[in-house]
Protein backbone atom coordinates (compact mmCIF):
# COMPACT_ATOMS: atom_id res chain seq x y z
CA UNK A 1 -0.04 -0.09 0.03
CA UNK A 2 1.29 3.35 -1.10
CA UNK A 3 0.19 6.57 1.19
CA UNK A 4 1.35 9.81 -0.62
CA UNK A 5 -0.55 12.00 1.71
CA UNK A 6 1.70 12.84 5.16
CA UNK A 7 0.81 11.26 7.84
CA UNK A 8 -0.29 14.78 9.99
CA UNK A 9 0.77 14.92 13.77
CA UNK A 10 -1.85 14.55 16.52
CA UNK A 11 -2.33 17.37 18.88
CA UNK A 12 0.50 19.53 17.22
CA UNK A 13 1.07 21.13 13.79
CA UNK A 14 4.94 20.60 13.64
CA UNK A 15 6.89 17.74 15.25
CA UNK A 16 9.25 20.00 16.58
CA UNK A 17 6.60 21.49 19.22
CA UNK A 18 6.72 17.82 20.15
CA UNK A 19 10.08 17.56 20.93
CA UNK A 20 10.34 21.25 23.07
CA UNK A 21 7.32 19.97 25.53
CA UNK A 22 9.26 16.37 25.79
CA UNK A 23 12.14 18.36 26.51
CA UNK A 24 9.96 21.05 28.96
CA UNK A 25 8.41 18.19 30.66
CA UNK A 26 12.26 16.45 31.40
CA UNK A 27 13.16 19.35 32.38
CA UNK A 28 10.48 20.29 35.05
CA UNK A 29 11.07 16.12 36.51
CA UNK A 30 14.49 16.63 36.64
CA UNK A 31 14.12 20.28 38.46
CA UNK A 32 11.63 18.36 40.52
CA UNK A 33 14.34 15.42 41.39
CA UNK A 34 16.73 17.96 42.11
CA UNK A 35 14.10 19.87 44.81
CA UNK A 36 13.01 16.42 46.35
CA UNK A 37 16.49 15.32 46.94
CA UNK A 38 17.87 18.49 48.20
CA UNK A 39 14.90 18.43 50.59
CA UNK A 40 15.54 14.80 52.13
CA UNK A 41 18.92 15.34 52.18
């Protein structure tokens, strides 16, 4: 099966928005784990 139409990305128009979202989410997680370890050290 040949599919000529480009598959649309759900929720966002471009894949770069997904990359920014994932990087931001991981940065927030890193920051929260940093605060968590500082609090209990």
